[in-house]
Amino acid sequence: MTATPIVALDFPNAARAFQLVDTLEDSCRFYKVGSELFTAEGPVIVGRLREHGCEVFLDLKLHDIPNTVAAAVRSIAAIGATLTTVHATGGRAMLRAAGSAANEAGGCRVLAVTILTSLNPDAAADAWGLPALDIREQVLRLAAIARDEGVHGVVCSGAEARAVRETHGSDFAVLVPGVRLPGDVAADQARVVTPEAAVQAGADYIVLGRSVTAAKDPRKAMEEVRRLVLSATAA
């Protein structure tokens, strides 16, 4: 099974987002809607993408009390998102409520965000209030909690994806953000990988942003992503 590429619609409005969707056409049929676009356009943006025949990863990184998160997950499922996210650090009760709500609603899978790919070890240790932090160890710990509580998978960098896959098997989804084409700058991401590396590490989904959205020819860039994914899958 190959990894599914997802393009991040990190734009301030629907007009900009659909300009890219129309450019990519059938080279991409799965898009990420994050806080910026969802705050600007609301749930209607998910419906419009679905009308275009696209699947939606609604990346809101929910982190709240269990009842609130469960209600939000039910609403997210109702508007047609295929994937959504909660923070793994929200605790067992919150993760359990999110997973249960998604299962009851049907049609939407919940992924737990472990450690953001924008954080390097020093920044992560500072956030946790520790003198040092082993990111791989913490990702595996959070993934185990998420799996125990019925969450469908995790979001982690490509550096940890293989360890998560080897630990939890093929029925626990792994989404890798911060994916860059060879030669692209990392920008505000600290832990990045290429599409091939993410696939070889066992990712089910890979998320690309500026490698496609800021490319001179976004469709050509997307076709290169798909080529690299297929090549890595066949290797």
Protein backbone atom coordinates (compact mmCIF):
# COMPACT_ATOMS: atom_id res chain seq x y z
CA MET A 1 0.00 0.00 0.00
CA THR A 2 1.40 3.37 -1.01
CA ALA A 3 1.33 6.64 0.91
CA THR A 4 -1.33 9.22 0.05
CA PRO A 5 0.00 12.73 -0.65
CA ILE A 6 -1.96 15.59 0.93
CA VAL A 7 -1.39 19.22 -0.05
CA ALA A 8 -1.75 21.88 2.63
CA LEU A 9 -4.08 24.72 1.70
CA ASP A 10 -2.33 27.22 3.95
CA PHE A 11 -4.02 30.26 2.45
CA PRO A 12 -5.96 33.18 3.94
CA ASN A 13 -9.11 32.65 1.88
CA ALA A 14 -11.03 30.24 -0.32
CA ALA A 15 -10.23 32.07 -3.53
CA ARG A 16 -6.51 31.44 -3.10
CA ALA A 17 -7.12 27.86 -2.04
CA PHE A 18 -9.29 26.97 -5.01
CA GLN A 19 -6.86 28.62 -7.41
CA LEU A 20 -4.42 25.90 -6.39
CA VAL A 21 -7.06 23.15 -6.38
CA ASP A 22 -8.02 24.09 -9.94
CA THR A 23 -4.36 24.17 -10.97
CA LEU A 24 -3.60 20.73 -9.56
CA GLU A 25 -6.83 19.18 -10.86
CA ASP A 26 -6.64 15.37 -10.75
CA SER A 27 -2.97 15.32 -9.68
CA CYS A 28 -4.21 15.88 -6.11
CA ARG A 29 -7.51 14.88 -4.55
CA PHE A 30 -6.65 15.20 -0.85
CA TYR A 31 -6.13 18.54 0.88
CA LYS A 32 -5.28 19.77 4.34
CA VAL A 33 -7.34 22.60 5.79
CA GLY A 34 -5.65 24.14 8.80
CA SER A 35 -6.44 26.85 11.31
CA GLU A 36 -5.79 29.79 8.96
CA LEU A 37 -8.20 28.77 6.20
CA PHE A 38 -10.79 27.23 8.51
CA THR A 39 -10.91 30.37 10.68
CA ALA A 40 -11.37 32.54 7.59
CA GLU A 41 -13.97 30.42 5.80
CA GLY A 42 -15.56 28.12 8.37
CA PRO A 43 -17.02 24.64 7.78
CA VAL A 44 -18.23 25.61 4.30
CA ILE A 45 -14.68 25.20 2.98
CA VAL A 46 -14.81 21.49 3.74
CA GLY A 47 -18.11 21.14 1.91
CA ARG A 48 -16.81 22.99 -1.12
CA LEU A 49 -13.76 20.75 -1.35
CA ARG A 50 -15.97 17.68 -1.05
CA GLU A 51 -18.13 19.00 -3.89
CA HIS A 52 -14.94 19.17 -5.97
CA GLY A 53 -14.46 15.45 -5.36
CA CYS A 54 -11.65 15.96 -2.83
CA GLU A 55 -11.02 14.43 0.57
CA VAL A 56 -10.21 16.74 3.47
CA PHE A 57 -7.75 16.52 6.32
CA LEU A 58 -9.10 19.07 8.82
CA ASP A 59 -6.01 19.80 10.90
CA LEU A 60 -7.30 21.72 13.93
CA LYS A 61 -5.18 19.99 16.59
CA LEU A 62 -7.96 19.92 19.17
CA HIS A 63 -6.88 20.14 22.80
CA ASP A 64 -9.65 20.66 25.36
CA ILE A 65 -11.75 18.83 27.92
CA PRO A 66 -13.05 15.43 26.73
CA ASN A 67 -16.69 16.43 26.18
CA THR A 68 -15.73 19.48 24.14
CA VAL A 69 -13.33 17.53 21.96
CA ALA A 70 -15.85 14.73 21.43
CA ALA A 71 -18.48 17.24 20.32
CA ALA A 72 -16.02 18.90 17.95
CA VAL A 73 -15.05 15.54 16.42
CA ARG A 74 -18.71 14.70 15.81
CA SER A 75 -19.16 18.06 14.07
CA ILE A 76 -16.03 17.51 11.99
CA ALA A 77 -17.32 14.11 10.88
CA ALA A 78 -20.70 15.62 10.04
CA ILE A 79 -19.21 18.23 7.67
CA GLY A 80 -17.36 15.51 5.74
CA ALA A 81 -13.70 15.54 6.81
CA THR A 82 -11.84 12.27 6.32
CA LEU A 83 -9.10 12.99 8.88
CA THR A 84 -8.76 15.32 11.84
CA THR A 85 -6.26 15.85 14.64
CA VAL A 86 -6.10 16.17 18.40
CA HIS A 87 -3.04 16.76 20.57
CA ALA A 88 -1.69 13.55 22.08
CA THR A 89 -0.79 15.52 25.20
CA GLY A 90 -4.47 16.17 25.88
CA GLY A 91 -4.57 13.09 28.11
CA ARG A 92 -6.08 9.64 27.99
CA ALA A 93 -9.67 10.70 28.66
CA MET A 94 -9.59 13.28 25.87
CA LEU A 95 -8.05 10.83 23.40
CA ARG A 96 -10.58 8.17 24.31
CA ALA A 97 -13.46 10.62 23.87
CA ALA A 98 -12.14 11.71 20.47
CA GLY A 99 -11.71 8.18 19.18
CA SER A 100 -15.12 7.09 20.44
CA ALA A 101 -16.84 10.11 18.90
CA ALA A 102 -15.23 9.44 15.52
CA ASN A 103 -16.22 5.76 15.63
CA GLU A 104 -19.80 6.62 16.52
CA ALA A 105 -20.08 9.27 13.81
CA GLY A 106 -18.34 7.20 11.14
CA GLY A 107 -16.41 8.44 8.13
CA CYS A 108 -13.70 10.34 9.99
CA ARG A 109 -10.44 9.12 11.54
CA VAL A 110 -8.70 10.86 14.42
CA LEU A 111 -4.93 11.22 14.47
CA ALA A 112 -3.00 12.28 17.58
CA VAL A 113 -0.30 14.90 17.07
CA THR A 114 2.79 13.78 18.98
CA ILE A 115 5.55 16.42 18.75
CA LEU A 116 5.31 19.20 16.17
CA THR A 117 7.81 18.94 13.33
CA SER A 118 8.73 22.60 13.91
CA LEU A 119 10.36 21.61 17.22
CA ASN A 120 13.96 20.46 17.48
CA PRO A 121 15.14 18.56 20.60
CA ASP A 122 16.14 21.74 22.46
CA ALA A 123 12.83 23.48 21.75
CA ALA A 124 10.86 20.38 22.71
CA ALA A 125 12.81 20.02 25.97
CA ASP A 126 12.12 23.66 26.77
CA ALA A 127 8.40 23.20 26.12
CA TRP A 128 8.32 20.14 28.38
CA GLY A 129 10.37 21.91 31.07
CA LEU A 130 13.12 19.28 30.93
CA PRO A 131 16.91 19.59 30.65
CA ALA A 132 16.85 17.20 27.67
CA LEU A 133 14.25 15.30 25.70
CA ASP A 134 14.53 12.28 23.40
CA ILE A 135 11.97 13.06 20.70
CA ARG A 136 11.80 9.51 19.36
CA GLU A 137 11.18 8.13 22.84
CA GLN A 138 8.43 10.66 23.53
CA VAL A 139 6.74 10.08 20.17
CA LEU A 140 6.63 6.34 20.85
CA ARG A 141 5.28 6.94 24.35
CA LEU A 142 2.52 9.24 23.09
CA ALA A 143 1.71 6.88 20.21
CA ALA A 144 1.24 4.01 22.65
CA ILE A 145 -1.16 6.08 24.76
CA ALA A 146 -3.11 7.15 21.67
CA ARG A 147 -3.41 3.57 20.46
CA ASP A 148 -4.47 2.34 23.90
CA GLU A 149 -7.27 4.90 23.96
CA GLY A 150 -8.70 4.09 20.53
CA VAL A 151 -7.22 6.83 18.37
CA HIS A 152 -6.72 5.74 14.77
CA GLY A 153 -3.12 6.88 14.31
CA VAL A 154 -0.56 9.59 14.91
CA VAL A 155 1.13 12.55 13.32
CA CYS A 156 4.92 12.46 13.64
CA SER A 157 7.98 13.42 11.65
CA GLY A 158 9.59 11.07 9.18
CA ALA A 159 12.42 10.57 11.66
CA GLU A 160 10.07 8.72 14.03
CA ALA A 161 7.67 7.17 11.53
CA ARG A 162 9.57 3.92 11.07
CA ALA A 163 9.73 3.29 14.81
CA VAL A 164 5.99 3.93 15.16
CA ARG A 165 5.23 1.60 12.24
CA GLU A 166 7.48 -1.17 13.56
CA THR A 167 5.95 -0.86 17.03
CA HIS A 168 2.28 -0.63 16.10
CA GLY A 169 1.92 -2.42 12.78
CA SER A 170 0.02 -1.58 9.61
CA ASP A 171 -3.40 -0.95 11.16
CA PHE A 172 -2.26 2.18 13.03
CA ALA A 173 -2.13 5.16 10.68
CA VAL A 174 0.99 7.31 10.40
CA LEU A 175 0.83 10.79 8.89
CA VAL A 176 4.10 12.60 8.20
CA PRO A 177 4.03 16.40 7.75
CA GLY A 178 7.01 18.58 6.93
CA VAL A 179 7.70 16.73 3.67
CA ARG A 180 9.98 18.54 1.23
CA LEU A 181 11.13 17.76 -2.28
CA PRO A 182 14.88 17.17 -2.58
CA GLY A 183 16.72 20.51 -2.48
CA ASP A 184 13.85 22.51 -0.96
CA VAL A 185 14.54 24.65 2.11
CA ALA A 186 13.19 23.47 5.46
CA ALA A 187 11.78 26.95 6.28
CA ASP A 188 10.04 26.83 9.69
CA GLN A 189 10.23 23.05 9.97
CA ALA A 190 12.99 21.49 12.06
CA ARG A 191 12.52 17.80 11.21
CA VAL A 192 11.84 17.34 7.50
CA VAL A 193 12.06 14.39 5.09
CA THR A 194 11.67 13.79 1.37
CA PRO A 195 8.65 11.95 -0.04
CA GLU A 196 10.78 8.83 -0.64
CA ALA A 197 12.09 8.80 2.93
CA ALA A 198 8.59 9.20 4.36
CA VAL A 199 7.26 6.32 2.25
CA GLN A 200 10.20 4.09 3.13
CA ALA A 201 9.60 4.86 6.82
CA GLY A 202 6.05 3.55 6.51
CA ALA A 203 3.91 6.68 6.24
CA ASP A 204 0.29 6.23 5.20
CA TYR A 205 -0.12 9.94 4.48
CA ILE A 206 2.42 12.64 3.67
CA VAL A 207 1.66 16.36 3.84
CA LEU A 208 3.34 18.84 1.54
CA GLY A 209 3.06 22.60 1.73
CA ARG A 210 5.38 25.08 0.07
CA SER A 211 7.17 22.43 -2.02
CA VAL A 212 3.95 22.41 -4.05
CA THR A 213 2.08 25.59 -3.15
CA ALA A 214 5.06 27.92 -3.66
CA ALA A 215 6.47 26.13 -6.69
CA LYS A 216 6.73 28.00 -10.00
CA ASP A 217 4.71 25.16 -11.53
CA PRO A 218 2.63 23.55 -8.74
CA ARG A 219 1.21 20.84 -10.99
CA LYS A 220 4.68 19.81 -12.15
CA ALA A 221 5.84 19.73 -8.53
CA MET A 222 2.86 17.59 -7.54
CA GLU A 223 3.50 15.18 -10.36
CA GLU A 224 7.10 14.88 -9.15
CA VAL A 225 5.82 14.08 -5.66
CA ARG A 226 3.59 11.36 -7.04
CA ARG A 227 6.48 9.94 -9.10
CA LEU A 228 8.74 9.82 -6.06
CA VAL A 229 6.05 8.18 -3.95
CA LEU A 230 5.40 5.48 -6.52
CA SER A 231 9.12 4.90 -7.02
CA ALA A 232 9.70 4.52 -3.29
CA THR A 233 6.71 2.19 -2.99
CA ALA A 234 8.03 -0.05 -5.74
CA ALA A 235 11.58 -0.16 -4.35
